[in-house]
Amino acid sequence: MSFEDLPLEISVDDVVYLQGIPEQKPRIIDCRESDEWAICHLEGAELVPLSQFGELAPQRFQDTQQHVVIYCHHGMRSQRAAAWLRQHGFRKAQSMRGGIDAWSEMVDPTLPRY
């Protein structure tokens, strides 16, 4: 499967797998708002709130070839953010299915759920 064939969504398990391979480690973006970020966030993630996405994206996203995985609370906002990036030439943008809630359920139960 080439990157051009990537589905819009990626599973939490696949993100964990890719993070374990240094040469395939994706850039992780949290598109929730800063008050949600303060509750919990993934280590190494960058905050780019969906409410400011179009405004911040030109300075925050430059490499259209970079694999970007975006997450939110449950996966709806991140789908919109990933679709926006794809419309702007970032063919390797994906939304993490289930968001940080799925991550805390399946990967790291120490992360607070809200």
PDB file of N, CA and C in Angstrom:
ATOM      1  N   MET A   1       0.851  -1.179   0.000  1.00  0.00           N
ATOM      2  CA  MET A   1       0.000   0.000   0.000  1.00  0.00           C
ATOM      3  C   MET A   1       0.899   1.246   0.000  1.00  0.00           C
ATOM      4  N   SER A   2       0.666   2.129  -0.918  1.00  0.00           N
ATOM      5  CA  SER A   2       1.432   3.372  -0.947  1.00  0.00           C
ATOM      6  C   SER A   2       0.752   4.402  -0.053  1.00  0.00           C
ATOM      7  N   PHE A   3       1.485   5.447   0.289  1.00  0.00           N
ATOM      8  CA  PHE A   3       0.900   6.498   1.118  1.00  0.00           C
ATOM      9  C   PHE A   3      -0.307   7.133   0.433  1.00  0.00           C
ATOM     10  N   GLU A   4      -0.292   7.197  -0.893  1.00  0.00           N
ATOM     11  CA  GLU A   4      -1.402   7.803  -1.624  1.00  0.00           C
ATOM     12  C   GLU A   4      -2.689   7.006  -1.437  1.00  0.00           C
ATOM     13  N   ASP A   5      -2.562   5.739  -1.050  1.00  0.00           N
ATOM     14  CA  ASP A   5      -3.722   4.873  -0.851  1.00  0.00           C
ATOM     15  C   ASP A   5      -4.172   4.834   0.611  1.00  0.00           C
ATOM     16  N   LEU A   6      -3.545   5.633   1.456  1.00  0.00           N
ATOM     17  CA  LEU A   6      -3.892   5.602   2.872  1.00  0.00           C
ATOM     18  C   LEU A   6      -5.341   6.005   3.093  1.00  0.00           C
ATOM     19  N   PRO A   7      -6.045   5.267   3.931  1.00  0.00           N
ATOM     20  CA  PRO A   7      -7.408   5.681   4.273  1.00  0.00           C
ATOM     21  C   PRO A   7      -7.358   6.946   5.135  1.00  0.00           C
ATOM     22  N   LEU A   8      -8.456   7.660   5.205  1.00  0.00           N
ATOM     23  CA  LEU A   8      -8.509   8.885   6.001  1.00  0.00           C
ATOM     24  C   LEU A   8      -8.310   8.588   7.480  1.00  0.00           C
ATOM     25  N   GLU A   9      -8.743   7.418   7.931  1.00  0.00           N
ATOM     26  CA  GLU A   9      -8.607   7.061   9.345  1.00  0.00           C
ATOM     27  C   GLU A   9      -7.536   5.993   9.543  1.00  0.00           C
ATOM     28  N   ILE A  10      -6.897   6.064  10.705  1.00  0.00           N
ATOM     29  CA  ILE A  10      -5.906   5.068  11.105  1.00  0.00           C
ATOM     30  C   ILE A  10      -6.284   4.599  12.510  1.00  0.00           C
ATOM     31  N   SER A  11      -6.100   3.323  12.776  1.00  0.00           N
ATOM     32  CA  SER A  11      -6.462   2.784  14.097  1.00  0.00           C
ATOM     33  C   SER A  11      -5.410   3.154  15.137  1.00  0.00           C
ATOM     34  N   VAL A  12      -5.818   3.149  16.376  1.00  0.00           N
ATOM     35  CA  VAL A  12      -4.912   3.389  17.498  1.00  0.00           C
ATOM     36  C   VAL A  12      -3.779   2.362  17.457  1.00  0.00           C
ATOM     37  N   ASP A  13      -4.107   1.108  17.199  1.00  0.00           N
ATOM     38  CA  ASP A  13      -3.085   0.054  17.132  1.00  0.00           C
ATOM     39  C   ASP A  13      -2.042   0.346  16.063  1.00  0.00           C
ATOM     40  N   ASP A  14      -2.489   0.838  14.905  1.00  0.00           N
ATOM     41  CA  ASP A  14      -1.544   1.148  13.834  1.00  0.00           C
ATOM     42  C   ASP A  14      -0.656   2.334  14.193  1.00  0.00           C
ATOM     43  N   VAL A  15      -1.207   3.310  14.917  1.00  0.00           N
ATOM     44  CA  VAL A  15      -0.391   4.447  15.361  1.00  0.00           C
ATOM     45  C   VAL A  15       0.686   3.967  16.326  1.00  0.00           C
ATOM     46  N   VAL A  16       0.318   3.115  17.261  1.00  0.00           N
ATOM     47  CA  VAL A  16       1.287   2.558  18.213  1.00  0.00           C
ATOM     48  C   VAL A  16       2.393   1.826  17.444  1.00  0.00           C
ATOM     49  N   TYR A  17       2.002   1.015  16.473  1.00  0.00           N
ATOM     50  CA  TYR A  17       2.964   0.268  15.668  1.00  0.00           C
ATOM     51  C   TYR A  17       3.935   1.211  14.958  1.00  0.00           C
ATOM     52  N   LEU A  18       3.403   2.234  14.280  1.00  0.00           N
ATOM     53  CA  LEU A  18       4.246   3.169  13.535  1.00  0.00           C
ATOM     54  C   LEU A  18       5.175   3.963  14.452  1.00  0.00           C
ATOM     55  N   GLN A  19       4.732   4.278  15.650  1.00  0.00           N
ATOM     56  CA  GLN A  19       5.577   5.015  16.587  1.00  0.00           C
ATOM     57  C   GLN A  19       6.785   4.190  17.019  1.00  0.00           C
ATOM     58  N   GLY A  20       6.685   2.889  16.897  1.00  0.00           N
ATOM     59  CA  GLY A  20       7.799   2.012  17.260  1.00  0.00           C
ATOM     60  C   GLY A  20       8.834   1.845  16.164  1.00  0.00           C
ATOM     61  N   ILE A  21       8.591   2.434  15.004  1.00  0.00           N
ATOM     62  CA  ILE A  21       9.522   2.329  13.871  1.00  0.00           C
ATOM     63  C   ILE A  21      10.034   3.746  13.576  1.00  0.00           C
ATOM     64  N   PRO A  22      11.243   4.068  14.037  1.00  0.00           N
ATOM     65  CA  PRO A  22      11.733   5.444  13.925  1.00  0.00           C
ATOM     66  C   PRO A  22      11.602   6.059  12.527  1.00  0.00           C
ATOM     67  N   GLU A  23      11.888   5.297  11.490  1.00  0.00           N
ATOM     68  CA  GLU A  23      11.828   5.860  10.130  1.00  0.00           C
ATOM     69  C   GLU A  23      10.394   6.012   9.609  1.00  0.00           C
ATOM     70  N   GLN A  24       9.416   5.487  10.333  1.00  0.00           N
ATOM     71  CA  GLN A  24       8.020   5.620   9.916  1.00  0.00           C
ATOM     72  C   GLN A  24       7.167   6.372  10.938  1.00  0.00           C
ATOM     73  N   LYS A  25       7.818   6.901  11.966  1.00  0.00           N
ATOM     74  CA  LYS A  25       7.096   7.571  13.040  1.00  0.00           C
ATOM     75  C   LYS A  25       6.369   8.809  12.492  1.00  0.00           C
ATOM     76  N   PRO A  26       5.032   8.844  12.619  1.00  0.00           N
ATOM     77  CA  PRO A  26       4.297   9.998  12.101  1.00  0.00           C
ATOM     78  C   PRO A  26       4.368  11.193  13.048  1.00  0.00           C
ATOM     79  N   ARG A  27       4.094  12.358  12.512  1.00  0.00           N
ATOM     80  CA  ARG A  27       3.940  13.562  13.320  1.00  0.00           C
ATOM     81  C   ARG A  27       2.549  13.504  13.940  1.00  0.00           C
ATOM     82  N   ILE A  28       2.435  13.701  15.245  1.00  0.00           N
ATOM     83  CA  ILE A  28       1.156  13.579  15.948  1.00  0.00           C
ATOM     84  C   ILE A  28       0.633  14.981  16.286  1.00  0.00           C
ATOM     85  N   ILE A  29      -0.576  15.264  15.829  1.00  0.00           N
ATOM     86  CA  ILE A  29      -1.215  16.566  16.040  1.00  0.00           C
ATOM     87  C   ILE A  29      -2.500  16.379  16.836  1.00  0.00           C
ATOM     88  N   ASP A  30      -2.658  17.172  17.867  1.00  0.00           N
ATOM     89  CA  ASP A  30      -3.879  17.195  18.678  1.00  0.00           C
ATOM     90  C   ASP A  30      -4.685  18.399  18.221  1.00  0.00           C
ATOM     91  N   CYS A  31      -5.890  18.172  17.708  1.00  0.00           N
ATOM     92  CA  CYS A  31      -6.696  19.290  17.208  1.00  0.00           C
ATOM     93  C   CYS A  31      -7.796  19.701  18.185  1.00  0.00           C
ATOM     94  N   ARG A  32      -7.691  19.240  19.436  1.00  0.00           N
ATOM     95  CA  ARG A  32      -8.654  19.671  20.447  1.00  0.00           C
ATOM     96  C   ARG A  32      -8.310  21.093  20.891  1.00  0.00           C
ATOM     97  N   GLU A  33      -9.083  21.628  21.790  1.00  0.00           N
ATOM     98  CA  GLU A  33      -8.843  22.974  22.300  1.00  0.00           C
ATOM     99  C   GLU A  33      -7.892  22.905  23.497  1.00  0.00           C
ATOM    100  N   SER A  34      -7.316  24.043  23.868  1.00  0.00           N
ATOM    101  CA  SER A  34      -6.286  24.069  24.914  1.00  0.00           C
ATOM    102  C   SER A  34      -6.800  23.588  26.275  1.00  0.00           C
ATOM    103  N   ASP A  35      -8.092  23.801  26.573  1.00  0.00           N
ATOM    104  CA  ASP A  35      -8.608  23.310  27.856  1.00  0.00           C
ATOM    105  C   ASP A  35      -8.648  21.782  27.879  1.00  0.00           C
ATOM    106  N   GLU A  36      -8.916  21.148  26.726  1.00  0.00           N
ATOM    107  CA  GLU A  36      -8.894  19.686  26.637  1.00  0.00           C
ATOM    108  C   GLU A  36      -7.456  19.174  26.712  1.00  0.00           C
ATOM    109  N   TRP A  37      -6.548  19.871  26.031  1.00  0.00           N
ATOM    110  CA  TRP A  37      -5.118  19.533  26.052  1.00  0.00           C
ATOM    111  C   TRP A  37      -4.611  19.510  27.487  1.00  0.00           C
ATOM    112  N   ALA A  38      -5.081  20.473  28.304  1.00  0.00           N
ATOM    113  CA  ALA A  38      -4.642  20.565  29.699  1.00  0.00           C
ATOM    114  C   ALA A  38      -5.071  19.343  30.517  1.00  0.00           C
ATOM    115  N   ILE A  39      -6.165  18.708  30.138  1.00  0.00           N
ATOM    116  CA  ILE A  39      -6.639  17.515  30.848  1.00  0.00           C
ATOM    117  C   ILE A  39      -5.704  16.338  30.574  1.00  0.00           C
ATOM    118  N   CYS A  40      -5.379  16.142  29.310  1.00  0.00           N
ATOM    119  CA  CYS A  40      -4.493  15.054  28.902  1.00  0.00           C
ATOM    120  C   CYS A  40      -4.123  15.240  27.441  1.00  0.00           C
ATOM    121  N   HIS A  41      -2.993  14.703  27.064  1.00  0.00           N
ATOM    122  CA  HIS A  41      -2.570  14.682  25.660  1.00  0.00           C
ATOM    123  C   HIS A  41      -1.501  13.614  25.486  1.00  0.00           C
ATOM    124  N   LEU A  42      -1.283  13.236  24.246  1.00  0.00           N
ATOM    125  CA  LEU A  42      -0.284  12.213  23.954  1.00  0.00           C
ATOM    126  C   LEU A  42       1.108  12.824  24.004  1.00  0.00           C
ATOM    127  N   GLU A  43       2.025  12.073  24.579  1.00  0.00           N
ATOM    128  CA  GLU A  43       3.408  12.532  24.649  1.00  0.00           C
ATOM    129  C   GLU A  43       3.945  12.764  23.242  1.00  0.00           C
ATOM    130  N   GLY A  44       4.575  13.909  23.050  1.00  0.00           N
ATOM    131  CA  GLY A  44       5.159  14.233  21.751  1.00  0.00           C
ATOM    132  C   GLY A  44       4.193  14.875  20.773  1.00  0.00           C
ATOM    133  N   ALA A  45       2.929  14.994  21.153  1.00  0.00           N
ATOM    134  CA  ALA A  45       1.929  15.608  20.260  1.00  0.00           C
ATOM    135  C   ALA A  45       2.105  17.123  20.239  1.00  0.00           C
ATOM    136  N   GLU A  46       1.606  17.724  19.169  1.00  0.00           N
ATOM    137  CA  GLU A  46       1.600  19.175  19.021  1.00  0.00           C
ATOM    138  C   GLU A  46       0.147  19.639  18.997  1.00  0.00           C
ATOM    139  N   LEU A  47      -0.142  20.733  19.666  1.00  0.00           N
ATOM    140  CA  LEU A  47      -1.503  21.264  19.698  1.00  0.00           C
ATOM    141  C   LEU A  47      -1.721  22.252  18.557  1.00  0.00           C
ATOM    142  N   VAL A  48      -2.702  21.935  17.704  1.00  0.00           N
ATOM    143  CA  VAL A  48      -3.159  22.839  16.646  1.00  0.00           C
ATOM    144  C   VAL A  48      -4.690  22.766  16.691  1.00  0.00           C
ATOM    145  N   PRO A  49      -5.330  23.615  17.507  1.00  0.00           N
ATOM    146  CA  PRO A  49      -6.782  23.520  17.690  1.00  0.00           C
ATOM    147  C   PRO A  49      -7.564  23.657  16.385  1.00  0.00           C
ATOM    148  N   LEU A  50      -8.586  22.840  16.245  1.00  0.00           N
ATOM    149  CA  LEU A  50      -9.405  22.886  15.037  1.00  0.00           C
ATOM    150  C   LEU A  50      -9.998  24.280  14.832  1.00  0.00           C
ATOM    151  N   SER A  51     -10.329  24.966  15.922  1.00  0.00           N
ATOM    152  CA  SER A  51     -10.915  26.296  15.813  1.00  0.00           C
ATOM    153  C   SER A  51      -9.970  27.309  15.161  1.00  0.00           C
ATOM    154  N   GLN A  52      -8.676  26.988  15.131  1.00  0.00           N
ATOM    155  CA  GLN A  52      -7.681  27.878  14.525  1.00  0.00           C
ATOM    156  C   GLN A  52      -6.905  27.175  13.410  1.00  0.00           C
ATOM    157  N   PHE A  53      -7.391  26.040  12.982  1.00  0.00           N
ATOM    158  CA  PHE A  53      -6.633  25.186  12.065  1.00  0.00           C
ATOM    159  C   PHE A  53      -6.270  25.897  10.761  1.00  0.00           C
ATOM    160  N   GLY A  54      -7.265  26.469  10.096  1.00  0.00           N
ATOM    161  CA  GLY A  54      -6.997  27.138   8.817  1.00  0.00           C
ATOM    162  C   GLY A  54      -6.043  28.307   8.954  1.00  0.00           C
ATOM    163  N   GLU A  55      -6.109  28.978  10.087  1.00  0.00           N
ATOM    164  CA  GLU A  55      -5.248  30.132  10.360  1.00  0.00           C
ATOM    165  C   GLU A  55      -3.814  29.705  10.672  1.00  0.00           C
ATOM    166  N   LEU A  56      -3.660  28.633  11.466  1.00  0.00           N
ATOM    167  CA  LEU A  56      -2.328  28.179  11.894  1.00  0.00           C
ATOM    168  C   LEU A  56      -1.641  27.248  10.901  1.00  0.00           C
ATOM    169  N   ALA A  57      -2.417  26.546  10.102  1.00  0.00           N
ATOM    170  CA  ALA A  57      -1.857  25.510   9.225  1.00  0.00           C
ATOM    171  C   ALA A  57      -0.726  25.980   8.318  1.00  0.00           C
ATOM    172  N   PRO A  58      -0.840  27.146   7.658  1.00  0.00           N
ATOM    173  CA  PRO A  58       0.254  27.533   6.753  1.00  0.00           C
ATOM    174  C   PRO A  58       1.623  27.621   7.427  1.00  0.00           C
ATOM    175  N   GLN A  59       1.656  28.036   8.694  1.00  0.00           N
ATOM    176  CA  GLN A  59       2.951  28.103   9.372  1.00  0.00           C
ATOM    177  C   GLN A  59       3.323  26.803  10.067  1.00  0.00           C
ATOM    178  N   ARG A  60       2.351  25.993  10.432  1.00  0.00           N
ATOM    179  CA  ARG A  60       2.622  24.763  11.188  1.00  0.00           C
ATOM    180  C   ARG A  60       2.855  23.547  10.290  1.00  0.00           C
ATOM    181  N   PHE A  61       2.317  23.575   9.074  1.00  0.00           N
ATOM    182  CA  PHE A  61       2.447  22.437   8.157  1.00  0.00           C
ATOM    183  C   PHE A  61       3.105  22.909   6.869  1.00  0.00           C
ATOM    184  N   GLN A  62       4.291  22.393   6.614  1.00  0.00           N
ATOM    185  CA  GLN A  62       5.037  22.814   5.428  1.00  0.00           C
ATOM    186  C   GLN A  62       5.342  21.645   4.497  1.00  0.00           C
ATOM    187  N   ASP A  63       5.673  20.498   5.069  1.00  0.00           N
ATOM    188  CA  ASP A  63       6.112  19.345   4.286  1.00  0.00           C
ATOM    189  C   ASP A  63       4.913  18.492   3.879  1.00  0.00           C
ATOM    190  N   THR A  64       4.495  18.614   2.637  1.00  0.00           N
ATOM    191  CA  THR A  64       3.322  17.871   2.162  1.00  0.00           C
ATOM    192  C   THR A  64       3.579  16.370   2.084  1.00  0.00           C
ATOM    193  N   GLN A  65       4.841  15.944   2.196  1.00  0.00           N
ATOM    194  CA  GLN A  65       5.181  14.520   2.141  1.00  0.00           C
ATOM    195  C   GLN A  65       5.234  13.872   3.522  1.00  0.00           C
ATOM    196  N   GLN A  66       5.083  14.667   4.573  1.00  0.00           N
ATOM    197  CA  GLN A  66       5.170  14.149   5.942  1.00  0.00           C
ATOM    198  C   GLN A  66       3.893  13.394   6.315  1.00  0.00           C
ATOM    199  N   HIS A  67       4.061  12.267   6.998  1.00  0.00           N
ATOM    200  CA  HIS A  67       2.917  11.507   7.507  1.00  0.00           C
ATOM    201  C   HIS A  67       2.449  12.190   8.786  1.00  0.00           C
ATOM    202  N   VAL A  68       1.199  12.649   8.782  1.00  0.00           N
ATOM    203  CA  VAL A  68       0.622  13.375   9.913  1.00  0.00           C
ATOM    204  C   VAL A  68      -0.587  12.597  10.424  1.00  0.00           C
ATOM    205  N   VAL A  69      -0.611  12.317  11.717  1.00  0.00           N
ATOM    206  CA  VAL A  69      -1.762  11.674  12.355  1.00  0.00           C
ATOM    207  C   VAL A  69      -2.366  12.694  13.318  1.00  0.00           C
ATOM    208  N   ILE A  70      -3.641  12.961  13.130  1.00  0.00           N
ATOM    209  CA  ILE A  70      -4.346  13.954  13.929  1.00  0.00           C
ATOM    210  C   ILE A  70      -5.349  13.245  14.825  1.00  0.00           C
ATOM    211  N   TYR A  71      -5.447  13.701  16.071  1.00  0.00           N
ATOM    212  CA  TYR A  71      -6.446  13.131  16.962  1.00  0.00           C
ATOM    213  C   TYR A  71      -7.211  14.241  17.669  1.00  0.00           C
ATOM    214  N   CYS A  72      -8.386  13.877  18.162  1.00  0.00           N
ATOM    215  CA  CYS A  72      -9.203  14.766  18.980  1.00  0.00           C
ATOM    216  C   CYS A  72      -9.750  13.923  20.126  1.00  0.00           C
ATOM    217  N   HIS A  73     -10.945  14.235  20.610  1.00  0.00           N
ATOM    218  CA  HIS A  73     -11.512  13.479  21.721  1.00  0.00           C
ATOM    219  C   HIS A  73     -12.009  12.107  21.252  1.00  0.00           C
ATOM    220  N   HIS A  74     -12.878  12.087  20.251  1.00  0.00           N
ATOM    221  CA  HIS A  74     -13.452  10.828  19.758  1.00  0.00           C
ATOM    222  C   HIS A  74     -13.192  10.553  18.275  1.00  0.00           C
ATOM    223  N   GLY A  75     -12.630  11.498  17.550  1.00  0.00           N
ATOM    224  CA  GLY A  75     -12.283  11.238  16.152  1.00  0.00           C
ATOM    225  C   GLY A  75     -13.064  12.003  15.109  1.00  0.00           C
ATOM    226  N   MET A  76     -14.008  12.831  15.505  1.00  0.00           N
ATOM    227  CA  MET A  76     -14.794  13.575  14.511  1.00  0.00           C
ATOM    228  C   MET A  76     -14.061  14.844  14.044  1.00  0.00           C
ATOM    229  N   ARG A  77     -13.574  15.628  14.978  1.00  0.00           N
ATOM    230  CA  ARG A  77     -12.846  16.850  14.599  1.00  0.00           C
ATOM    231  C   ARG A  77     -11.571  16.510  13.842  1.00  0.00           C
ATOM    232  N   SER A  78     -10.914  15.442  14.256  1.00  0.00           N
ATOM    233  CA  SER A  78      -9.669  15.071  13.580  1.00  0.00           C
ATOM    234  C   SER A  78      -9.926  14.620  12.144  1.00  0.00           C
ATOM    235  N   GLN A  79     -11.086  14.039  11.877  1.00  0.00           N
ATOM    236  CA  GLN A  79     -11.433  13.699  10.496  1.00  0.00           C
ATOM    237  C   GLN A  79     -11.532  14.970   9.658  1.00  0.00           C
ATOM    238  N   ARG A  80     -12.150  15.995  10.210  1.00  0.00           N
ATOM    239  CA  ARG A  80     -12.272  17.270   9.479  1.00  0.00           C
ATOM    240  C   ARG A  80     -10.894  17.882   9.236  1.00  0.00           C
ATOM    241  N   ALA A  81     -10.035  17.845  10.263  1.00  0.00           N
ATOM    242  CA  ALA A  81      -8.689  18.411  10.122  1.00  0.00           C
ATOM    243  C   ALA A  81      -7.865  17.636   9.086  1.00  0.00           C
ATOM    244  N   ALA A  82      -7.934  16.314   9.128  1.00  0.00           N
ATOM    245  CA  ALA A  82      -7.191  15.493   8.159  1.00  0.00           C
ATOM    246  C   ALA A  82      -7.712  15.721   6.746  1.00  0.00           C
ATOM    247  N   ALA A  83      -9.023  15.824   6.596  1.00  0.00           N
ATOM    248  CA  ALA A  83      -9.611  16.088   5.272  1.00  0.00           C
ATOM    249  C   ALA A  83      -9.163  17.465   4.769  1.00  0.00           C
ATOM    250  N   TRP A  84      -9.117  18.452   5.656  1.00  0.00           N
ATOM    251  CA  TRP A  84      -8.671  19.795   5.277  1.00  0.00           C
ATOM    252  C   TRP A  84      -7.240  19.736   4.757  1.00  0.00           C
ATOM    253  N   LEU A  85      -6.362  19.042   5.503  1.00  0.00           N
ATOM    254  CA  LEU A  85      -4.968  18.923   5.072  1.00  0.00           C
ATOM    255  C   LEU A  85      -4.862  18.217   3.725  1.00  0.00           C
ATOM    256  N   ARG A  86      -5.636  17.168   3.545  1.00  0.00           N
ATOM    257  CA  ARG A  86      -5.592  16.454   2.264  1.00  0.00           C
ATOM    258  C   ARG A  86      -6.032  17.357   1.116  1.00  0.00           C
ATOM    259  N   GLN A  87      -7.027  18.173   1.360  1.00  0.00           N
ATOM    260  CA  GLN A  87      -7.480  19.110   0.325  1.00  0.00           C
ATOM    261  C   GLN A  87      -6.410  20.140  -0.011  1.00  0.00           C
ATOM    262  N   HIS A  88      -5.463  20.323   0.891  1.00  0.00           N
ATOM    263  CA  HIS A  88      -4.381  21.278   0.679  1.00  0.00           C
ATOM    264  C   HIS A  88      -3.057  20.590   0.349  1.00  0.00           C
ATOM    265  N   GLY A  89      -3.133  19.367  -0.155  1.00  0.00           N
ATOM    266  CA  GLY A  89      -1.960  18.690  -0.696  1.00  0.00           C
ATOM    267  C   GLY A  89      -1.217  17.751   0.232  1.00  0.00           C
ATOM    268  N   PHE A  90      -1.697  17.588   1.450  1.00  0.00           N
ATOM    269  CA  PHE A  90      -1.036  16.696   2.407  1.00  0.00           C
ATOM    270  C   PHE A  90      -1.682  15.312   2.313  1.00  0.00           C
ATOM    271  N   ARG A  91      -1.213  14.514   1.370  1.00  0.00           N
ATOM    272  CA  ARG A  91      -1.835  13.225   1.058  1.00  0.00           C
ATOM    273  C   ARG A  91      -1.632  12.191   2.162  1.00  0.00           C
ATOM    274  N   LYS A  92      -0.710  12.450   3.091  1.00  0.00           N
ATOM    275  CA  LYS A  92      -0.406  11.486   4.147  1.00  0.00           C
ATOM    276  C   LYS A  92      -1.009  11.896   5.488  1.00  0.00           C
ATOM    277  N   ALA A  93      -2.055  12.715   5.458  1.00  0.00           N
ATOM    278  CA  ALA A  93      -2.740  13.126   6.693  1.00  0.00           C
ATOM    279  C   ALA A  93      -3.809  12.092   7.027  1.00  0.00           C
ATOM    280  N   GLN A  94      -3.841  11.673   8.287  1.00  0.00           N
ATOM    281  CA  GLN A  94      -4.834  10.702   8.740  1.00  0.00           C
ATOM    282  C   GLN A  94      -5.404  11.111  10.089  1.00  0.00           C
ATOM    283  N   SER A  95      -6.614  10.673  10.337  1.00  0.00           N
ATOM    284  CA  SER A  95      -7.298  10.889  11.608  1.00  0.00           C
ATOM    285  C   SER A  95      -7.223   9.603  12.422  1.00  0.00           C
ATOM    286  N   MET A  96      -6.878   9.730  13.704  1.00  0.00           N
ATOM    287  CA  MET A  96      -6.825   8.548  14.562  1.00  0.00           C
ATOM    288  C   MET A  96      -8.245   8.188  15.013  1.00  0.00           C
ATOM    289  N   ARG A  97      -8.712   7.036  14.568  1.00  0.00           N
ATOM    290  CA  ARG A  97     -10.066   6.564  14.861  1.00  0.00           C
ATOM    291  C   ARG A  97     -10.279   6.422  16.370  1.00  0.00           C
ATOM    292  N   GLY A  98     -11.327   7.037  16.880  1.00  0.00           N
ATOM    293  CA  GLY A  98     -11.653   6.941  18.300  1.00  0.00           C
ATOM    294  C   GLY A  98     -10.987   7.981  19.174  1.00  0.00           C
ATOM    295  N   GLY A  99     -10.020   8.716  18.622  1.00  0.00           N
ATOM    296  CA  GLY A  99      -9.367   9.804  19.331  1.00  0.00           C
ATOM    297  C   GLY A  99      -8.620   9.382  20.582  1.00  0.00           C
ATOM    298  N   ILE A 100      -8.371  10.378  21.428  1.00  0.00           N
ATOM    299  CA  ILE A 100      -7.617  10.124  22.653  1.00  0.00           C
ATOM    300  C   ILE A 100      -8.407   9.246  23.619  1.00  0.00           C
ATOM    301  N   ASP A 101      -9.733   9.239  23.467  1.00  0.00           N
ATOM    302  CA  ASP A 101     -10.550   8.370  24.308  1.00  0.00           C
ATOM    303  C   ASP A 101     -10.225   6.900  24.017  1.00  0.00           C
ATOM    304  N   ALA A 102     -10.117   6.558  22.738  1.00  0.00           N
ATOM    305  CA  ALA A 102      -9.752   5.183  22.363  1.00  0.00           C
ATOM    306  C   ALA A 102      -8.329   4.870  22.813  1.00  0.00           C
ATOM    307  N   TRP A 103      -7.444   5.848  22.721  1.00  0.00           N
ATOM    308  CA  TRP A 103      -6.062   5.650  23.155  1.00  0.00           C
ATOM    309  C   TRP A 103      -6.027   5.315  24.643  1.00  0.00           C
ATOM    310  N   SER A 104      -6.779   6.080  25.447  1.00  0.00           N
ATOM    311  CA  SER A 104      -6.762   5.834  26.892  1.00  0.00           C
ATOM    312  C   SER A 104      -7.421   4.502  27.240  1.00  0.00           C
ATOM    313  N   GLU A 105      -8.331   4.056  26.404  1.00  0.00           N
ATOM    314  CA  GLU A 105      -8.997   2.774  26.636  1.00  0.00           C
ATOM    315  C   GLU A 105      -8.129   1.590  26.206  1.00  0.00           C
ATOM    316  N   MET A 106      -7.441   1.717  25.073  1.00  0.00           N
ATOM    317  CA  MET A 106      -6.726   0.586  24.486  1.00  0.00           C
ATOM    318  C   MET A 106      -5.218   0.582  24.719  1.00  0.00           C
ATOM    319  N   VAL A 107      -4.626   1.751  24.925  1.00  0.00           N
ATOM    320  CA  VAL A 107      -3.165   1.829  24.992  1.00  0.00           C
ATOM    321  C   VAL A 107      -2.670   2.260  26.372  1.00  0.00           C
ATOM    322  N   ASP A 108      -3.189   3.363  26.870  1.00  0.00           N
ATOM    323  CA  ASP A 108      -2.668   3.931  28.119  1.00  0.00           C
ATOM    324  C   ASP A 108      -3.807   4.291  29.066  1.00  0.00           C
ATOM    325  N   PRO A 109      -4.226   3.332  29.903  1.00  0.00           N
ATOM    326  CA  PRO A 109      -5.338   3.585  30.818  1.00  0.00           C
ATOM    327  C   PRO A 109      -5.021   4.611  31.904  1.00  0.00           C
ATOM    328  N   THR A 110      -3.764   5.063  32.007  1.00  0.00           N
ATOM    329  CA  THR A 110      -3.428   6.106  32.978  1.00  0.00           C
ATOM    330  C   THR A 110      -3.834   7.491  32.496  1.00  0.00           C
ATOM    331  N   LEU A 111      -4.107   7.629  31.181  1.00  0.00           N
ATOM    332  CA  LEU A 111      -4.561   8.928  30.668  1.00  0.00           C
ATOM    333  C   LEU A 111      -5.962   9.210  31.168  1.00  0.00           C
ATOM    334  N   PRO A 112      -6.198  10.400  31.701  1.00  0.00           N
ATOM    335  CA  PRO A 112      -7.554  10.733  32.170  1.00  0.00           C
ATOM    336  C   PRO A 112      -8.560  10.700  31.021  1.00  0.00           C
ATOM    337  N   ARG A 113      -9.745  10.202  31.306  1.00  0.00           N
ATOM    338  CA  ARG A 113     -10.847  10.212  30.332  1.00  0.00           C
ATOM    339  C   ARG A 113     -11.835  11.259  30.791  1.00  0.00           C
ATOM    340  N   TYR A 114     -12.464  11.896  29.842  1.00  0.00           N
ATOM    341  CA  TYR A 114     -13.436  12.937  30.168  1.00  0.00           C
ATOM    342  C   TYR A 114     -14.604  12.889  29.219  1.00  0.00           C
TER     343      TYR A 114
END
